[in-house]
Amino acid sequence: MKIKNINGTSQTTCACGSWLKHWEKFSGQSVPKYCPVITNHPGCTKKDLAGAHVRKYASSDEKWYIYPLCSAHNQSTGVLEVSDSYKLVSANKKETCEK
């Protein structure tokens, strides 16, 4: 799956305590041990994960999502290929933690 960061969202907060906790709660998955970006074999090995605001790349879907990324990839302005093993979670609080 390919995603792209939505930069300038670091001041956005939610009631979950952090966007990574938000992702974990609404994905039903555990936070990965390593950043799930597939850069090359074996992939990113960084462990400093955060809940990044992203969009699907090359998609008509303009919704904002949360996806776990390391701090370096969370600052990326390029297209990232990430593992399909982890779900995108809506960043729309009205659909999730403020429901």
PDB file of N, CA and C in Angstrom:
ATOM      1  N   MET A   1       0.855  -1.163   0.000  1.00  0.00           N
ATOM      2  CA  MET A   1       0.000   0.000   0.000  1.00  0.00           C
ATOM      3  C   MET A   1       0.906   1.232   0.000  1.00  0.00           C
ATOM      4  N   LYS A   2       0.484   2.269  -0.702  1.00  0.00           N
ATOM      5  CA  LYS A   2       1.263   3.503  -0.755  1.00  0.00           C
ATOM      6  C   LYS A   2       0.483   4.625  -0.078  1.00  0.00           C
ATOM      7  N   ILE A   3       1.211   5.362   0.763  1.00  0.00           N
ATOM      8  CA  ILE A   3       0.612   6.468   1.499  1.00  0.00           C
ATOM      9  C   ILE A   3       1.498   7.702   1.381  1.00  0.00           C
ATOM     10  N   LYS A   4       0.943   8.839   1.766  1.00  0.00           N
ATOM     11  CA  LYS A   4       1.690  10.089   1.774  1.00  0.00           C
ATOM     12  C   LYS A   4       1.312  10.849   3.040  1.00  0.00           C
ATOM     13  N   ASN A   5       2.315  11.401   3.714  1.00  0.00           N
ATOM     14  CA  ASN A   5       2.078  12.166   4.933  1.00  0.00           C
ATOM     15  C   ASN A   5       1.266  13.413   4.650  1.00  0.00           C
ATOM     16  N   ILE A   6       0.483  13.799   5.653  1.00  0.00           N
ATOM     17  CA  ILE A   6      -0.171  15.099   5.650  1.00  0.00           C
ATOM     18  C   ILE A   6       0.632  15.924   6.636  1.00  0.00           C
ATOM     19  N   ASN A   7       1.505  16.770   6.144  1.00  0.00           N
ATOM     20  CA  ASN A   7       2.386  17.530   7.018  1.00  0.00           C
ATOM     21  C   ASN A   7       1.658  18.720   7.636  1.00  0.00           C
ATOM     22  N   GLY A   8       2.111  19.128   8.823  1.00  0.00           N
ATOM     23  CA  GLY A   8       1.515  20.273   9.509  1.00  0.00           C
ATOM     24  C   GLY A   8       0.369  19.899  10.430  1.00  0.00           C
ATOM     25  N   THR A   9       0.284  18.634  10.833  1.00  0.00           N
ATOM     26  CA  THR A   9      -0.818  18.192  11.697  1.00  0.00           C
ATOM     27  C   THR A   9      -0.357  17.868  13.115  1.00  0.00           C
ATOM     28  N   SER A  10       0.875  18.188  13.464  1.00  0.00           N
ATOM     29  CA  SER A  10       1.423  17.772  14.764  1.00  0.00           C
ATOM     30  C   SER A  10       0.683  18.401  15.950  1.00  0.00           C
ATOM     31  N   GLN A  11       0.005  19.514  15.760  1.00  0.00           N
ATOM     32  CA  GLN A  11      -0.723  20.152  16.853  1.00  0.00           C
ATOM     33  C   GLN A  11      -2.106  19.551  17.069  1.00  0.00           C
ATOM     34  N   THR A  12      -2.552  18.701  16.153  1.00  0.00           N
ATOM     35  CA  THR A  12      -3.865  18.074  16.249  1.00  0.00           C
ATOM     36  C   THR A  12      -3.843  17.004  17.333  1.00  0.00           C
ATOM     37  N   THR A  13      -4.852  17.003  18.207  1.00  0.00           N
ATOM     38  CA  THR A  13      -4.892  16.040  19.309  1.00  0.00           C
ATOM     39  C   THR A  13      -6.217  15.292  19.315  1.00  0.00           C
ATOM     40  N   CYS A  14      -6.257  14.230  20.087  1.00  0.00           N
ATOM     41  CA  CYS A  14      -7.519  13.502  20.283  1.00  0.00           C
ATOM     42  C   CYS A  14      -7.582  13.017  21.724  1.00  0.00           C
ATOM     43  N   ALA A  15      -8.757  12.555  22.125  1.00  0.00           N
ATOM     44  CA  ALA A  15      -8.992  12.139  23.507  1.00  0.00           C
ATOM     45  C   ALA A  15      -8.286  10.838  23.885  1.00  0.00           C
ATOM     46  N   CYS A  16      -7.691  10.153  22.943  1.00  0.00           N
ATOM     47  CA  CYS A  16      -7.043   8.864  23.212  1.00  0.00           C
ATOM     48  C   CYS A  16      -5.697   9.016  23.927  1.00  0.00           C
ATOM     49  N   GLY A  17      -5.180  10.229  24.009  1.00  0.00           N
ATOM     50  CA  GLY A  17      -3.891  10.459  24.658  1.00  0.00           C
ATOM     51  C   GLY A  17      -2.760  10.663  23.656  1.00  0.00           C
ATOM     52  N   SER A  18      -2.796   9.932  22.560  1.00  0.00           N
ATOM     53  CA  SER A  18      -1.847  10.118  21.462  1.00  0.00           C
ATOM     54  C   SER A  18      -2.467   9.514  20.206  1.00  0.00           C
ATOM     55  N   TRP A  19      -1.963   9.929  19.059  1.00  0.00           N
ATOM     56  CA  TRP A  19      -2.493   9.362  17.816  1.00  0.00           C
ATOM     57  C   TRP A  19      -2.077   7.901  17.664  1.00  0.00           C
ATOM     58  N   LEU A  20      -0.960   7.496  18.267  1.00  0.00           N
ATOM     59  CA  LEU A  20      -0.556   6.085  18.213  1.00  0.00           C
ATOM     60  C   LEU A  20      -1.524   5.236  19.049  1.00  0.00           C
ATOM     61  N   LYS A  21      -1.925   5.742  20.211  1.00  0.00           N
ATOM     62  CA  LYS A  21      -2.926   5.034  21.019  1.00  0.00           C
ATOM     63  C   LYS A  21      -4.267   4.985  20.280  1.00  0.00           C
ATOM     64  N   HIS A  22      -4.595   6.074  19.592  1.00  0.00           N
ATOM     65  CA  HIS A  22      -5.814   6.132  18.776  1.00  0.00           C
ATOM     66  C   HIS A  22      -5.770   5.021  17.724  1.00  0.00           C
ATOM     67  N   TRP A  23      -4.634   4.911  17.026  1.00  0.00           N
ATOM     68  CA  TRP A  23      -4.487   3.883  15.988  1.00  0.00           C
ATOM     69  C   TRP A  23      -4.658   2.489  16.592  1.00  0.00           C
ATOM     70  N   GLU A  24      -3.995   2.249  17.722  1.00  0.00           N
ATOM     71  CA  GLU A  24      -4.053   0.927  18.357  1.00  0.00           C
ATOM     72  C   GLU A  24      -5.488   0.587  18.782  1.00  0.00           C
ATOM     73  N   LYS A  25      -6.168   1.546  19.378  1.00  0.00           N
ATOM     74  CA  LYS A  25      -7.527   1.322  19.866  1.00  0.00           C
ATOM     75  C   LYS A  25      -8.497   1.011  18.720  1.00  0.00           C
ATOM     76  N   PHE A  26      -8.434   1.780  17.653  1.00  0.00           N
ATOM     77  CA  PHE A  26      -9.420   1.633  16.580  1.00  0.00           C
ATOM     78  C   PHE A  26      -9.006   0.670  15.473  1.00  0.00           C
ATOM     79  N   SER A  27      -7.743   0.275  15.438  1.00  0.00           N
ATOM     80  CA  SER A  27      -7.324  -0.753  14.468  1.00  0.00           C
ATOM     81  C   SER A  27      -7.554  -2.144  15.040  1.00  0.00           C
ATOM     82  N   GLY A  28      -7.559  -2.236  16.389  1.00  0.00           N
ATOM     83  CA  GLY A  28      -7.646  -3.541  17.027  1.00  0.00           C
ATOM     84  C   GLY A  28      -6.344  -4.320  16.916  1.00  0.00           C
ATOM     85  N   GLN A  29      -5.265  -3.632  16.542  1.00  0.00           N
ATOM     86  CA  GLN A  29      -3.960  -4.263  16.368  1.00  0.00           C
ATOM     87  C   GLN A  29      -2.979  -3.725  17.400  1.00  0.00           C
ATOM     88  N   SER A  30      -1.923  -4.476  17.631  1.00  0.00           N
ATOM     89  CA  SER A  30      -0.849  -4.005  18.500  1.00  0.00           C
ATOM     90  C   SER A  30       0.097  -3.141  17.686  1.00  0.00           C
ATOM     91  N   VAL A  31       0.707  -2.185  18.362  1.00  0.00           N
ATOM     92  CA  VAL A  31       1.687  -1.332  17.700  1.00  0.00           C
ATOM     93  C   VAL A  31       2.831  -2.215  17.215  1.00  0.00           C
ATOM     94  N   PRO A  32       3.241  -2.059  15.962  1.00  0.00           N
ATOM     95  CA  PRO A  32       4.340  -2.889  15.454  1.00  0.00           C
ATOM     96  C   PRO A  32       5.650  -2.615  16.197  1.00  0.00           C
ATOM     97  N   LYS A  33       6.505  -3.609  16.214  1.00  0.00           N
ATOM     98  CA  LYS A  33       7.810  -3.469  16.872  1.00  0.00           C
ATOM     99  C   LYS A  33       8.707  -2.501  16.093  1.00  0.00           C
ATOM    100  N   TYR A  34       8.600  -2.556  14.767  1.00  0.00           N
ATOM    101  CA  TYR A  34       9.411  -1.706  13.892  1.00  0.00           C
ATOM    102  C   TYR A  34       8.505  -0.913  12.958  1.00  0.00           C
ATOM    103  N   CYS A  35       9.023   0.177  12.451  1.00  0.00           N
ATOM    104  CA  CYS A  35       8.311   0.989  11.468  1.00  0.00           C
ATOM    105  C   CYS A  35       7.942   0.120  10.258  1.00  0.00           C
ATOM    106  N   PRO A  36       6.660   0.116   9.841  1.00  0.00           N
ATOM    107  CA  PRO A  36       6.230  -0.764   8.751  1.00  0.00           C
ATOM    108  C   PRO A  36       6.484  -0.239   7.335  1.00  0.00           C
ATOM    109  N   VAL A  37       7.371   0.741   7.199  1.00  0.00           N
ATOM    110  CA  VAL A  37       7.725   1.216   5.857  1.00  0.00           C
ATOM    111  C   VAL A  37       8.613   0.185   5.183  1.00  0.00           C
ATOM    112  N   ILE A  38       8.283  -0.136   3.942  1.00  0.00           N
ATOM    113  CA  ILE A  38       9.052  -1.095   3.155  1.00  0.00           C
ATOM    114  C   ILE A  38       9.987  -0.287   2.265  1.00  0.00           C
ATOM    115  N   THR A  39      11.164   0.035   2.772  1.00  0.00           N
ATOM    116  CA  THR A  39      12.110   0.836   1.994  1.00  0.00           C
ATOM    117  C   THR A  39      12.935  -0.055   1.075  1.00  0.00           C
ATOM    118  N   ASN A  40      13.353  -1.139   1.573  1.00  0.00           N
ATOM    119  CA  ASN A  40      14.086  -2.183   0.852  1.00  0.00           C
ATOM    120  C   ASN A  40      14.214  -3.333   1.844  1.00  0.00           C
ATOM    121  N   HIS A  41      14.761  -4.431   1.445  1.00  0.00           N
ATOM    122  CA  HIS A  41      14.871  -5.566   2.353  1.00  0.00           C
ATOM    123  C   HIS A  41      15.934  -5.267   3.396  1.00  0.00           C
ATOM    124  N   PRO A  42      15.708  -5.378   4.678  1.00  0.00           N
ATOM    125  CA  PRO A  42      14.523  -5.901   5.348  1.00  0.00           C
ATOM    126  C   PRO A  42      13.480  -4.845   5.681  1.00  0.00           C
ATOM    127  N   GLY A  43      13.637  -3.603   5.244  1.00  0.00           N
ATOM    128  CA  GLY A  43      12.687  -2.553   5.581  1.00  0.00           C
ATOM    129  C   GLY A  43      13.246  -1.665   6.676  1.00  0.00           C
ATOM    130  N   CYS A  44      12.420  -0.749   7.174  1.00  0.00           N
ATOM    131  CA  CYS A  44      12.850   0.182   8.218  1.00  0.00           C
ATOM    132  C   CYS A  44      12.952  -0.558   9.549  1.00  0.00           C
ATOM    133  N   THR A  45      14.019  -0.313  10.282  1.00  0.00           N
ATOM    134  CA  THR A  45      14.220  -0.998  11.562  1.00  0.00           C
ATOM    135  C   THR A  45      14.102  -0.043  12.752  1.00  0.00           C
ATOM    136  N   LYS A  46      13.570   1.152  12.513  1.00  0.00           N
ATOM    137  CA  LYS A  46      13.422   2.118  13.604  1.00  0.00           C
ATOM    138  C   LYS A  46      12.218   1.759  14.462  1.00  0.00           C
ATOM    139  N   LYS A  47      12.328   2.093  15.774  1.00  0.00           N
ATOM    140  CA  LYS A  47      11.297   1.704  16.737  1.00  0.00           C
ATOM    141  C   LYS A  47      10.554   2.894  17.353  1.00  0.00           C
ATOM    142  N   ASP A  48      10.943   4.121  17.025  1.00  0.00           N
ATOM    143  CA  ASP A  48      10.332   5.315  17.636  1.00  0.00           C
ATOM    144  C   ASP A  48       9.052   5.697  16.884  1.00  0.00           C
ATOM    145  N   LEU A  49       7.997   4.922  17.117  1.00  0.00           N
ATOM    146  CA  LEU A  49       6.771   5.074  16.333  1.00  0.00           C
ATOM    147  C   LEU A  49       5.828   6.131  16.894  1.00  0.00           C
ATOM    148  N   ALA A  50       5.106   6.739  15.968  1.00  0.00           N
ATOM    149  CA  ALA A  50       4.058   7.707  16.297  1.00  0.00           C
ATOM    150  C   ALA A  50       2.885   7.441  15.361  1.00  0.00           C
ATOM    151  N   GLY A  51       1.735   7.949  15.726  1.00  0.00           N
ATOM    152  CA  GLY A  51       0.565   7.845  14.855  1.00  0.00           C
ATOM    153  C   GLY A  51       0.601   8.977  13.854  1.00  0.00           C
ATOM    154  N   ALA A  52       0.925   8.664  12.622  1.00  0.00           N
ATOM    155  CA  ALA A  52       1.093   9.675  11.579  1.00  0.00           C
ATOM    156  C   ALA A  52      -0.229   9.924  10.848  1.00  0.00           C
ATOM    157  N   HIS A  53      -0.464  11.184  10.502  1.00  0.00           N
ATOM    158  CA  HIS A  53      -1.607  11.543   9.661  1.00  0.00           C
ATOM    159  C   HIS A  53      -1.188  11.328   8.207  1.00  0.00           C
ATOM    160  N   VAL A  54      -1.925  10.485   7.508  1.00  0.00           N
ATOM    161  CA  VAL A  54      -1.576  10.135   6.127  1.00  0.00           C
ATOM    162  C   VAL A  54      -2.824  10.111   5.236  1.00  0.00           C
ATOM    163  N   ARG A  55      -2.572  10.084   3.943  1.00  0.00           N
ATOM    164  CA  ARG A  55      -3.602   9.856   2.932  1.00  0.00           C
ATOM    165  C   ARG A  55      -3.161   8.699   2.061  1.00  0.00           C
ATOM    166  N   LYS A  56      -4.140   8.041   1.452  1.00  0.00           N
ATOM    167  CA  LYS A  56      -3.804   7.015   0.464  1.00  0.00           C
ATOM    168  C   LYS A  56      -3.209   7.726  -0.741  1.00  0.00           C
ATOM    169  N   TYR A  57      -2.163   7.156  -1.313  1.00  0.00           N
ATOM    170  CA  TYR A  57      -1.510   7.756  -2.474  1.00  0.00           C
ATOM    171  C   TYR A  57      -2.190   7.290  -3.752  1.00  0.00           C
ATOM    172  N   ALA A  58      -2.330   8.200  -4.703  1.00  0.00           N
ATOM    173  CA  ALA A  58      -2.913   7.905  -6.023  1.00  0.00           C
ATOM    174  C   ALA A  58      -4.304   7.295  -5.882  1.00  0.00           C
ATOM    175  N   SER A  59      -5.109   7.889  -5.024  1.00  0.00           N
ATOM    176  CA  SER A  59      -6.454   7.400  -4.775  1.00  0.00           C
ATOM    177  C   SER A  59      -7.418   8.587  -4.788  1.00  0.00           C
ATOM    178  N   SER A  60      -8.644   8.328  -5.158  1.00  0.00           N
ATOM    179  CA  SER A  60      -9.658   9.378  -5.101  1.00  0.00           C
ATOM    180  C   SER A  60     -10.134   9.598  -3.661  1.00  0.00           C
ATOM    181  N   ASP A  61      -9.739   8.721  -2.758  1.00  0.00           N
ATOM    182  CA  ASP A  61     -10.078   8.820  -1.343  1.00  0.00           C
ATOM    183  C   ASP A  61      -9.252   9.948  -0.719  1.00  0.00           C
ATOM    184  N   GLU A  62      -9.906  11.026  -0.363  1.00  0.00           N
ATOM    185  CA  GLU A  62      -9.219  12.187   0.218  1.00  0.00           C
ATOM    186  C   GLU A  62      -9.252  12.192   1.743  1.00  0.00           C
ATOM    187  N   LYS A  63      -9.757  11.117   2.364  1.00  0.00           N
ATOM    188  CA  LYS A  63      -9.868  11.064   3.817  1.00  0.00           C
ATOM    189  C   LYS A  63      -8.487  11.029   4.471  1.00  0.00           C
ATOM    190  N   TRP A  64      -8.437  11.498   5.717  1.00  0.00           N
ATOM    191  CA  TRP A  64      -7.221  11.448   6.516  1.00  0.00           C
ATOM    192  C   TRP A  64      -7.259  10.200   7.378  1.00  0.00           C
ATOM    193  N   TYR A  65      -6.108   9.560   7.497  1.00  0.00           N
ATOM    194  CA  TYR A  65      -5.980   8.328   8.273  1.00  0.00           C
ATOM    195  C   TYR A  65      -4.807   8.444   9.234  1.00  0.00           C
ATOM    196  N   ILE A  66      -4.784   7.540  10.206  1.00  0.00           N
ATOM    197  CA  ILE A  66      -3.652   7.404  11.122  1.00  0.00           C
ATOM    198  C   ILE A  66      -2.987   6.067  10.816  1.00  0.00           C
ATOM    199  N   TYR A  67      -1.652   6.089  10.770  1.00  0.00           N
ATOM    200  CA  TYR A  67      -0.869   4.890  10.479  1.00  0.00           C
ATOM    201  C   TYR A  67       0.431   5.004  11.278  1.00  0.00           C
ATOM    202  N   PRO A  68       0.918   3.908  11.882  1.00  0.00           N
ATOM    203  CA  PRO A  68       2.148   3.981  12.685  1.00  0.00           C
ATOM    204  C   PRO A  68       3.401   4.120  11.823  1.00  0.00           C
ATOM    205  N   LEU A  69       4.153   5.186  12.076  1.00  0.00           N
ATOM    206  CA  LEU A  69       5.413   5.426  11.365  1.00  0.00           C
ATOM    207  C   LEU A  69       6.469   5.893  12.355  1.00  0.00           C
ATOM    208  N   CYS A  70       7.738   5.641  12.040  1.00  0.00           N
ATOM    209  CA  CYS A  70       8.826   6.165  12.858  1.00  0.00           C
ATOM    210  C   CYS A  70       8.901   7.683  12.650  1.00  0.00           C
ATOM    211  N   SER A  71       9.616   8.363  13.538  1.00  0.00           N
ATOM    212  CA  SER A  71       9.653   9.829  13.444  1.00  0.00           C
ATOM    213  C   SER A  71      10.249  10.302  12.117  1.00  0.00           C
ATOM    214  N   ALA A  72      11.252   9.615  11.599  1.00  0.00           N
ATOM    215  CA  ALA A  72      11.853  10.024  10.326  1.00  0.00           C
ATOM    216  C   ALA A  72      10.847   9.901   9.181  1.00  0.00           C
ATOM    217  N   HIS A  73      10.142   8.777   9.105  1.00  0.00           N
ATOM    218  CA  HIS A  73       9.162   8.604   8.035  1.00  0.00           C
ATOM    219  C   HIS A  73       7.931   9.486   8.247  1.00  0.00           C
ATOM    220  N   ASN A  74       7.640   9.839   9.495  1.00  0.00           N
ATOM    221  CA  ASN A  74       6.536  10.739   9.790  1.00  0.00           C
ATOM    222  C   ASN A  74       6.827  12.153   9.276  1.00  0.00           C
ATOM    223  N   GLN A  75       8.089  12.477   9.093  1.00  0.00           N
ATOM    224  CA  GLN A  75       8.491  13.784   8.560  1.00  0.00           C
ATOM    225  C   GLN A  75       8.646  13.771   7.046  1.00  0.00           C
ATOM    226  N   SER A  76       8.545  12.596   6.445  1.00  0.00           N
ATOM    227  CA  SER A  76       8.761  12.444   5.015  1.00  0.00           C
ATOM    228  C   SER A  76       7.712  13.203   4.197  1.00  0.00           C
ATOM    229  N   THR A  77       8.153  13.757   3.082  1.00  0.00           N
ATOM    230  CA  THR A  77       7.222  14.436   2.182  1.00  0.00           C
ATOM    231  C   THR A  77       6.956  13.613   0.926  1.00  0.00           C
ATOM    232  N   GLY A  78       7.627  12.484   0.803  1.00  0.00           N
ATOM    233  CA  GLY A  78       7.470  11.638  -0.378  1.00  0.00           C
ATOM    234  C   GLY A  78       6.425  10.548  -0.181  1.00  0.00           C
ATOM    235  N   VAL A  79       6.293   9.733  -1.205  1.00  0.00           N
ATOM    236  CA  VAL A  79       5.381   8.589  -1.158  1.00  0.00           C
ATOM    237  C   VAL A  79       6.071   7.461  -0.404  1.00  0.00           C
ATOM    238  N   LEU A  80       5.336   6.817   0.501  1.00  0.00           N
ATOM    239  CA  LEU A  80       5.888   5.715   1.287  1.00  0.00           C
ATOM    240  C   LEU A  80       5.152   4.432   0.962  1.00  0.00           C
ATOM    241  N   GLU A  81       5.892   3.375   0.724  1.00  0.00           N
ATOM    242  CA  GLU A  81       5.273   2.066   0.587  1.00  0.00           C
ATOM    243  C   GLU A  81       5.328   1.404   1.954  1.00  0.00           C
ATOM    244  N   VAL A  82       4.159   0.978   2.430  1.00  0.00           N
ATOM    245  CA  VAL A  82       4.056   0.417   3.779  1.00  0.00           C
ATOM    246  C   VAL A  82       3.404  -0.957   3.742  1.00  0.00           C
ATOM    247  N   SER A  83       3.576  -1.679   4.823  1.00  0.00           N
ATOM    248  CA  SER A  83       3.019  -3.024   4.943  1.00  0.00           C
ATOM    249  C   SER A  83       1.494  -2.998   4.936  1.00  0.00           C
ATOM    250  N   ASP A  84       0.903  -3.908   4.188  1.00  0.00           N
ATOM    251  CA  ASP A  84      -0.553  -4.072   4.170  1.00  0.00           C
ATOM    252  C   ASP A  84      -1.048  -4.778   5.435  1.00  0.00           C
ATOM    253  N   SER A  85      -0.132  -5.240   6.268  1.00  0.00           N
ATOM    254  CA  SER A  85      -0.504  -5.972   7.481  1.00  0.00           C
ATOM    255  C   SER A  85      -1.154  -5.071   8.530  1.00  0.00           C
ATOM    256  N   TYR A  86      -0.932  -3.763   8.402  1.00  0.00           N
ATOM    257  CA  TYR A  86      -1.468  -2.825   9.383  1.00  0.00           C
ATOM    258  C   TYR A  86      -2.549  -1.963   8.735  1.00  0.00           C
ATOM    259  N   LYS A  87      -3.619  -1.743   9.503  1.00  0.00           N
ATOM    260  CA  LYS A  87      -4.785  -1.031   8.985  1.00  0.00           C
ATOM    261  C   LYS A  87      -4.590   0.481   9.042  1.00  0.00           C
ATOM    262  N   LEU A  88      -5.241   1.149   8.110  1.00  0.00           N
ATOM    263  CA  LEU A  88      -5.398   2.594   8.201  1.00  0.00           C
ATOM    264  C   LEU A  88      -6.608   2.842   9.099  1.00  0.00           C
ATOM    265  N   VAL A  89      -6.495   3.788  10.006  1.00  0.00           N
ATOM    266  CA  VAL A  89      -7.590   4.123  10.922  1.00  0.00           C
ATOM    267  C   VAL A  89      -8.015   5.565  10.650  1.00  0.00           C
ATOM    268  N   SER A  90      -9.298   5.799  10.606  1.00  0.00           N
ATOM    269  CA  SER A  90      -9.802   7.145  10.347  1.00  0.00           C
ATOM    270  C   SER A  90      -9.251   8.139  11.363  1.00  0.00           C
ATOM    271  N   ALA A  91      -8.810   9.292  10.869  1.00  0.00           N
ATOM    272  CA  ALA A  91      -8.367  10.376  11.737  1.00  0.00           C
ATOM    273  C   ALA A  91      -9.538  11.288  12.102  1.00  0.00           C
ATOM    274  N   ASN A  92     -10.714  11.001  11.556  1.00  0.00           N
ATOM    275  CA  ASN A  92     -11.910  11.783  11.839  1.00  0.00           C
ATOM    276  C   ASN A  92     -12.432  11.399  13.224  1.00  0.00           C
ATOM    277  N   LYS A  93     -12.237  12.283  14.193  1.00  0.00           N
ATOM    278  CA  LYS A  93     -12.611  11.980  15.572  1.00  0.00           C
ATOM    279  C   LYS A  93     -14.108  11.745  15.730  1.00  0.00           C
ATOM    280  N   LYS A  94     -14.920  12.364  14.884  1.00  0.00           N
ATOM    281  CA  LYS A  94     -16.373  12.169  14.948  1.00  0.00           C
ATOM    282  C   LYS A  94     -16.768  10.726  14.577  1.00  0.00           C
ATOM    283  N   GLU A  95     -15.889  10.030  13.834  1.00  0.00           N
ATOM    284  CA  GLU A  95     -16.136   8.640  13.461  1.00  0.00           C
ATOM    285  C   GLU A  95     -15.509   7.657  14.453  1.00  0.00           C
ATOM    286  N   THR A  96     -14.674   8.174  15.355  1.00  0.00           N
ATOM    287  CA  THR A  96     -13.917   7.274  16.233  1.00  0.00           C
ATOM    288  C   THR A  96     -14.068   7.684  17.701  1.00  0.00           C
ATOM    289  N   CYS A  97     -13.096   8.399  18.240  1.00  0.00           N
ATOM    290  CA  CYS A  97     -13.040   8.655  19.687  1.00  0.00           C
ATOM    291  C   CYS A  97     -14.044   9.686  20.210  1.00  0.00           C
ATOM    292  N   GLU A  98     -14.683  10.437  19.335  1.00  0.00           N
ATOM    293  CA  GLU A  98     -15.718  11.373  19.787  1.00  0.00           C
ATOM    294  C   GLU A  98     -17.103  10.884  19.417  1.00  0.00           C
ATOM    295  N   LYS A  99     -17.213   9.628  19.050  1.00  0.00           N
ATOM    296  CA  LYS A  99     -18.487   9.041  18.626  1.00  0.00           C
ATOM    297  C   LYS A  99     -19.384   8.787  19.813  1.00  0.00           C
TER     298      LYS A  99
END
